[in-house]
């Protein structure tokens, strides 16, 4: 018997039952439900062939071609499904919850498995998770100038069993022109939303959820509009740490990279820094004077972030002067400060 599930129920069951995405590898790569397994009915070129046949001939002709392409693979599909199924149960979805998932569910049911289908398919899932970012929540945003150790503060908050949405960690990017250094490849914006939603849906939204102050873009990916709006309305705790402390952190984080790579990163913001400052940064890199390079780049980033703070009109901003870059102590301080705000 084939069961039909809503997006919410599908995700809930997906915590313990394998989710099979039967779309093409290209569709899966563009964006998929986190944790889903791709068992594509069609390869990328096969789906293109079926689509062309549908447009140029007829639906019946396209179906026949599809059967010819899929027929030899049926036993492979069943073996793979039985290998991952839990007590015979398996979850299936395609793009719209139509022919592809229905056909695969029929096959698995015939083979003795207990399949469930996502009504509306991946499209319904996307609608559900995007809507979830607008639900009432209790976000707390940590701000501060570049080099303030905000990401490490978030990690300490996680260690303290606080709820944390690490926007940069999920994006594989640290947010600045230097943010891609040492990071894995970034996901697509679609996959970024999916990955964030997996975390978001498991939060208790009556309790504080800590995140870092970000612009709308984190490297090449963009923050969901509803989530970004929630961030702009949430209280912002801006930790103001002396520049000397921040320079030390930047040297520690970036001096390990190849000098030519660091020069390329400086070149990216040449228009903002100015030619003379970039030349000075290059000379300093050649001399191994990483502190001067950090100082030069902070001149730009501090002005930009300071202007951004000053122009926040819909957000409560709390500027918190902190003397030392001590992530654990600063995390404890922020938790206590926020408690006292309420």
Protein backbone atom coordinates (compact mmCIF):
# COMPACT_ATOMS: atom_id res chain seq x y z
CA UNK A 1 0.00 0.00 0.00
CA UNK A 2 1.31 3.44 -0.97
CA UNK A 3 0.93 6.22 1.63
CA UNK A 4 0.75 9.92 0.77
CA UNK A 5 2.38 12.46 3.10
CA UNK A 6 2.41 16.24 3.47
CA UNK A 7 5.77 18.01 3.44
CA UNK A 8 5.75 18.36 7.22
CA UNK A 9 4.94 14.68 7.80
CA UNK A 10 7.43 13.62 5.12
CA UNK A 11 10.25 15.50 6.88
CA UNK A 12 9.24 14.14 10.27
CA UNK A 13 9.31 10.55 9.01
CA UNK A 14 12.51 11.35 7.14
CA UNK A 15 14.33 11.64 10.47
CA UNK A 16 14.26 7.84 10.75
CA UNK A 17 13.15 6.56 7.32
CA UNK A 18 15.34 6.98 4.18
CA UNK A 19 14.17 9.64 1.71
CA UNK A 20 14.65 8.72 -1.95
CA UNK A 21 14.87 11.56 -4.48
CA UNK A 22 14.10 10.11 -7.93
CA UNK A 23 14.89 13.30 -9.86
CA UNK A 24 17.89 13.58 -12.17
CA UNK A 25 21.40 14.07 -10.77
CA UNK A 26 21.37 17.65 -12.12
CA UNK A 27 18.13 18.46 -10.27
CA UNK A 28 19.50 16.87 -7.12
CA UNK A 29 22.74 18.87 -7.35
CA UNK A 30 20.84 22.14 -7.75
CA UNK A 31 18.97 21.50 -4.51
CA UNK A 32 17.71 18.56 -2.47
CA UNK A 33 16.24 17.70 0.90
CA UNK A 34 19.19 17.31 3.32
CA UNK A 35 19.81 13.62 3.93
CA UNK A 36 17.96 12.47 0.80
CA UNK A 37 19.46 9.71 -1.36
CA UNK A 38 19.43 10.22 -5.12
CA UNK A 39 18.16 7.20 -7.07
CA UNK A 40 17.31 8.89 -10.37
CA UNK A 41 14.78 7.28 -12.66
CA UNK A 42 16.38 9.12 -15.58
CA UNK A 43 19.93 10.28 -16.17
CA UNK A 44 20.21 13.95 -17.18
CA UNK A 45 20.34 13.22 -20.91
CA UNK A 46 17.54 10.64 -20.67
CA UNK A 47 15.15 13.13 -19.14
CA UNK A 48 16.01 15.59 -21.90
CA UNK A 49 15.20 12.91 -24.49
CA UNK A 50 11.82 12.17 -22.89
CA UNK A 51 10.98 15.87 -22.69
CA UNK A 52 11.86 16.39 -26.34
CA UNK A 53 9.72 13.42 -27.35
CA UNK A 54 6.79 14.82 -25.36
CA UNK A 55 7.04 18.22 -27.08
CA UNK A 56 7.64 16.97 -30.61
CA UNK A 57 5.43 13.88 -30.60
CA UNK A 58 2.96 13.05 -27.81
CA UNK A 59 2.61 12.09 -24.18
CA UNK A 60 2.11 8.44 -25.14
CA UNK A 61 5.30 8.44 -27.21
CA UNK A 62 7.21 10.03 -24.32
CA UNK A 63 5.90 7.43 -21.87
CA UNK A 64 6.94 4.58 -24.18
CA UNK A 65 10.43 6.05 -24.53
CA UNK A 66 10.61 6.44 -20.76
CA UNK A 67 9.70 2.78 -20.29
CA UNK A 68 12.38 1.72 -22.77
CA UNK A 69 15.00 3.74 -20.90
CA UNK A 70 13.95 2.69 -17.40
CA UNK A 71 13.08 -0.97 -17.98
CA UNK A 72 16.63 -2.37 -17.70
CA UNK A 73 17.19 -0.46 -14.45
CA UNK A 74 14.17 -1.68 -12.46
CA UNK A 75 15.99 -4.46 -10.61
CA UNK A 76 18.81 -2.05 -9.71
CA UNK A 77 16.28 0.41 -8.24
CA UNK A 78 14.74 -2.33 -6.08
CA UNK A 79 18.09 -3.61 -4.83
CA UNK A 80 19.21 -0.12 -3.83
CA UNK A 81 15.90 0.61 -2.13
CA UNK A 82 15.90 -2.64 -0.15
CA UNK A 83 19.46 -1.97 0.95
CA UNK A 84 18.54 1.35 2.62
CA UNK A 85 14.91 0.74 3.68
CA UNK A 86 14.16 0.59 7.41
CA UNK A 87 11.81 -2.28 8.26
CA UNK A 88 10.71 -2.19 4.64
CA UNK A 89 9.70 1.48 4.78
CA UNK A 90 10.95 4.05 2.31
CA UNK A 91 10.00 7.63 1.38
CA UNK A 92 9.93 8.83 -2.24
CA UNK A 93 9.64 12.15 -3.99
CA UNK A 94 10.15 13.72 -7.39
CA UNK A 95 9.65 17.33 -8.55
CA UNK A 96 5.84 17.65 -8.38
CA UNK A 97 4.81 14.33 -6.85
CA UNK A 98 3.68 13.04 -10.24
CA UNK A 99 4.62 10.26 -12.61
CA UNK A 100 8.23 9.69 -11.53
CA UNK A 101 7.56 9.22 -7.82
CA UNK A 102 4.28 7.39 -8.52
CA UNK A 103 6.01 4.91 -10.81
CA UNK A 104 8.85 4.28 -8.38
CA UNK A 105 6.38 3.86 -5.50
CA UNK A 106 4.43 1.30 -7.55
CA UNK A 107 7.65 -0.59 -8.28
CA UNK A 108 8.73 -0.67 -4.64
CA UNK A 109 5.25 -1.65 -3.46
CA UNK A 110 5.24 -4.49 -5.98
CA UNK A 111 8.64 -5.58 -4.67
CA UNK A 112 7.28 -5.87 -1.12
CA UNK A 113 8.41 -2.54 0.31
CA UNK A 114 6.21 0.02 2.10
CA UNK A 115 6.63 3.29 0.15
CA UNK A 116 5.28 6.74 1.04
CA UNK A 117 5.08 9.63 -1.43
CA UNK A 118 5.55 13.36 -0.79
CA UNK A 119 2.37 15.04 -2.05
CA UNK A 120 3.36 17.87 -4.37
CA UNK A 121 6.96 16.63 -4.47
CA UNK A 122 10.10 18.68 -3.94
CA UNK A 123 8.18 21.79 -5.03
CA UNK A 124 5.81 21.38 -2.04
CA UNK A 125 8.80 20.85 0.27
CA UNK A 126 10.40 24.08 -0.96
CA UNK A 127 7.17 26.00 -0.37
CA UNK A 128 6.91 24.57 3.15
CA UNK A 129 10.46 25.32 4.25
CA UNK A 130 10.50 28.83 2.77
CA UNK A 131 7.30 29.66 4.63
CA UNK A 132 8.83 28.34 7.88
CA UNK A 133 11.34 31.23 7.94
CA UNK A 134 8.47 33.69 8.52
CA UNK A 135 7.08 31.94 11.61
CA UNK A 136 7.28 33.81 14.95
CA UNK A 137 10.72 33.31 16.45
CA UNK A 138 13.15 34.62 19.06
CA UNK A 139 16.27 35.55 17.10
CA UNK A 140 19.21 37.31 18.74
CA UNK A 141 21.80 38.74 16.35
CA UNK A 142 25.47 39.07 17.30
CA UNK A 143 27.16 41.97 15.54
CA UNK A 144 30.55 43.58 15.70
CA UNK A 145 33.41 44.78 13.55
CA UNK A 146 35.45 42.37 11.41
CA UNK A 147 37.83 40.30 13.52
CA UNK A 148 35.70 40.38 16.68
CA UNK A 149 35.54 36.59 16.86
CA UNK A 150 31.79 36.42 16.34
CA UNK A 151 31.93 33.00 14.68
CA UNK A 152 33.95 31.54 17.54
CA UNK A 153 31.51 33.10 20.01
CA UNK A 154 28.72 31.23 18.20
CA UNK A 155 30.68 28.00 18.54
CA UNK A 156 31.05 28.59 22.28
CA UNK A 157 27.30 29.26 22.51
CA UNK A 158 26.73 25.88 20.84
CA UNK A 159 28.99 24.27 23.45
CA UNK A 160 26.81 25.94 26.09
CA UNK A 161 23.74 24.20 24.58
CA UNK A 162 22.34 27.44 23.20
CA UNK A 163 20.44 27.35 19.89
CA UNK A 164 22.70 28.64 17.10
CA UNK A 165 22.11 29.30 13.40
CA UNK A 166 25.60 29.52 11.90
CA UNK A 167 24.92 31.31 8.61
CA UNK A 168 28.57 31.43 7.58
CA UNK A 169 29.30 27.86 8.58
CA UNK A 170 26.43 26.49 6.49
CA UNK A 171 27.48 28.76 3.59
CA UNK A 172 31.14 27.67 3.73
CA UNK A 173 32.15 31.33 3.66
CA UNK A 174 33.27 33.89 6.26
CA UNK A 175 31.45 36.78 4.64
CA UNK A 176 34.30 39.12 3.61
CA UNK A 177 36.43 39.34 0.46
CA UNK A 178 38.74 36.87 2.23
CA UNK A 179 35.85 34.64 3.31
CA UNK A 180 36.37 31.79 0.86
CA UNK A 181 39.93 31.07 2.02
CA UNK A 182 40.26 27.62 3.54
CA UNK A 183 36.58 26.81 2.95
CA UNK A 184 34.86 24.04 1.02
CA UNK A 185 32.90 24.90 -2.13
CA UNK A 186 29.73 26.87 -1.47
CA UNK A 187 26.32 25.27 -2.04
CA UNK A 188 23.76 26.76 -4.39
CA UNK A 189 21.47 29.36 -2.81
CA UNK A 190 18.65 26.82 -3.07
CA UNK A 191 20.63 24.19 -1.20
CA UNK A 192 21.74 26.81 1.33
CA UNK A 193 18.08 27.49 2.15
CA UNK A 194 17.41 23.77 2.44
CA UNK A 195 20.37 23.23 4.79
CA UNK A 196 19.39 26.20 6.97
CA UNK A 197 15.78 25.03 7.07
CA UNK A 198 16.80 21.63 8.44
CA UNK A 199 18.36 23.42 11.42
CA UNK A 200 15.60 26.05 11.67
CA UNK A 201 12.76 23.51 11.83
CA UNK A 202 14.36 21.77 14.82
CA UNK A 203 14.63 24.91 16.96
CA UNK A 204 12.38 25.73 19.89
CA UNK A 205 11.28 29.15 18.66
CA UNK A 206 10.10 30.23 22.11
CA UNK A 207 13.75 30.26 23.25
CA UNK A 208 16.65 32.43 22.03
CA UNK A 209 18.20 31.52 18.68
CA UNK A 210 21.63 33.09 18.20
CA UNK A 211 22.96 34.08 14.80
CA UNK A 212 25.56 36.42 13.34
CA UNK A 213 24.89 39.78 11.73
CA UNK A 214 25.22 39.35 7.96
CA UNK A 215 24.47 41.22 4.79
CA UNK A 216 21.94 39.59 2.49
CA UNK A 217 24.71 37.73 0.63
CA UNK A 218 27.24 35.38 2.21
CA UNK A 219 29.76 34.88 -0.53
CA UNK A 220 27.86 33.59 -3.55
CA UNK A 221 24.70 32.54 -1.67
CA UNK A 222 21.80 34.68 -0.46
CA UNK A 223 19.87 34.56 2.80
CA UNK A 224 16.16 33.81 2.45
CA UNK A 225 14.12 37.05 2.32
CA UNK A 226 11.88 36.16 5.28
CA UNK A 227 14.82 35.07 7.41
CA UNK A 228 16.74 38.22 6.54
CA UNK A 229 13.73 40.33 7.53
CA UNK A 230 13.55 38.49 10.87
CA UNK A 231 17.25 39.23 11.41
CA UNK A 232 16.73 42.94 10.73
CA UNK A 233 13.92 43.11 13.31
CA UNK A 234 15.75 41.11 15.99
CA UNK A 235 17.79 42.74 18.77
CA UNK A 236 21.41 43.26 17.71
CA UNK A 237 24.11 42.83 20.33
CA UNK A 238 27.17 44.48 18.77
CA UNK A 239 30.41 43.54 20.54
CA UNK A 240 32.86 46.43 20.23
CA UNK A 241 36.36 45.00 20.62
CA UNK A 242 39.55 47.14 20.29
CA UNK A 243 41.16 47.16 16.86
CA UNK A 244 44.44 45.85 18.28
CA UNK A 245 42.68 42.68 19.46
CA UNK A 246 40.99 42.22 16.11
CA UNK A 247 44.25 42.62 14.22
CA UNK A 248 45.75 39.79 16.29
CA UNK A 249 42.83 37.54 15.37
CA UNK A 250 43.03 38.32 11.66
CA UNK A 251 46.77 37.64 11.61
CA UNK A 252 46.18 34.31 13.35
CA UNK A 253 43.41 33.32 10.91
CA UNK A 254 44.92 34.48 7.61
CA UNK A 255 48.73 34.62 7.87
CA UNK A 256 48.83 30.88 7.16
CA UNK A 257 47.69 31.40 3.56
CA UNK A 258 49.95 31.86 0.54
CA UNK A 259 51.02 35.49 0.08
CA UNK A 260 49.99 35.54 -3.60
CA UNK A 261 46.51 34.33 -2.66
CA UNK A 262 46.22 37.08 -0.03
CA UNK A 263 47.27 39.64 -2.65
CA UNK A 264 44.47 38.41 -4.91
CA UNK A 265 41.99 38.90 -2.09
CA UNK A 266 43.26 42.45 -1.47
CA UNK A 267 42.95 43.14 -5.20
CA UNK A 268 39.24 42.31 -4.99
CA UNK A 269 38.63 45.35 -2.77
CA UNK A 270 41.14 47.69 -4.44
CA UNK A 271 38.42 50.14 -5.50
CA UNK A 272 37.28 50.41 -1.89
CA UNK A 273 40.72 50.58 -0.32
CA UNK A 274 42.40 52.77 -2.91
CA UNK A 275 45.46 52.02 -5.02
CA UNK A 276 48.00 53.42 -2.55
CA UNK A 277 46.69 51.33 0.32
CA UNK A 278 46.66 48.19 -1.79
CA UNK A 279 50.29 48.86 -2.80
CA UNK A 280 51.17 49.29 0.87
CA UNK A 281 49.36 46.04 1.67
CA UNK A 282 51.31 44.23 -1.05
CA UNK A 283 54.62 45.61 0.25
CA UNK A 284 53.68 44.57 3.77
CA UNK A 285 52.81 41.06 2.62
CA UNK A 286 56.18 40.76 0.89
CA UNK A 287 57.82 41.78 4.17
CA UNK A 288 55.73 39.34 6.22
CA UNK A 289 54.08 42.23 8.06
CA UNK A 290 50.59 40.75 8.29
CA UNK A 291 49.49 43.11 11.08
CA UNK A 292 49.81 46.13 8.77
CA UNK A 293 47.76 44.35 6.10
CA UNK A 294 45.04 43.61 8.66
CA UNK A 295 45.12 47.23 9.82
CA UNK A 296 44.69 48.50 6.24
CA UNK A 297 41.77 46.23 5.42
CA UNK A 298 40.05 47.00 8.74
CA UNK A 299 40.02 50.70 7.84
CA UNK A 300 37.59 49.87 5.06
CA UNK A 301 35.55 47.20 6.84
CA UNK A 302 35.18 49.25 10.03
CA UNK A 303 33.84 52.27 8.15
CA UNK A 304 31.41 50.13 6.17
CA UNK A 305 30.11 48.25 9.20
CA UNK A 306 29.94 51.39 11.35
CA UNK A 307 27.83 53.11 8.70
CA UNK A 308 25.59 50.06 8.54
CA UNK A 309 25.03 50.14 12.31
CA UNK A 310 24.26 53.85 12.29
CA UNK A 311 21.60 53.45 9.60
CA UNK A 312 19.65 50.63 11.29
CA UNK A 313 16.24 52.23 11.91
CA UNK A 314 14.04 49.17 12.49
CA UNK A 315 16.39 47.29 14.78
CA UNK A 316 17.28 47.67 18.46
CA UNK A 317 21.08 47.97 18.54
CA UNK A 318 23.04 47.47 21.76
CA UNK A 319 26.73 48.46 21.52
CA UNK A 320 28.68 46.46 24.08
CA UNK A 321 32.24 47.54 24.82
CA UNK A 322 34.42 44.47 25.43
CA UNK A 323 38.14 44.72 26.13
CA UNK A 324 39.41 41.28 25.16
CA UNK A 325 38.86 38.77 22.36
CA UNK A 326 37.92 35.90 24.67
CA UNK A 327 35.16 33.91 22.90
CA UNK A 328 33.98 31.81 25.86
CA UNK A 329 33.81 34.75 28.26
CA UNK A 330 32.17 36.90 25.61
CA UNK A 331 29.59 34.19 24.90
CA UNK A 332 28.71 33.99 28.61
CA UNK A 333 28.50 37.78 28.78
CA UNK A 334 26.07 37.92 25.83
CA UNK A 335 23.80 35.26 27.33
CA UNK A 336 23.64 37.10 30.65
CA UNK A 337 23.15 40.47 28.95
CA UNK A 338 20.26 39.19 26.84
CA UNK A 339 18.59 37.61 29.87
CA UNK A 340 18.72 40.95 31.64
CA UNK A 341 17.16 42.67 28.62
CA UNK A 342 14.02 40.61 29.04
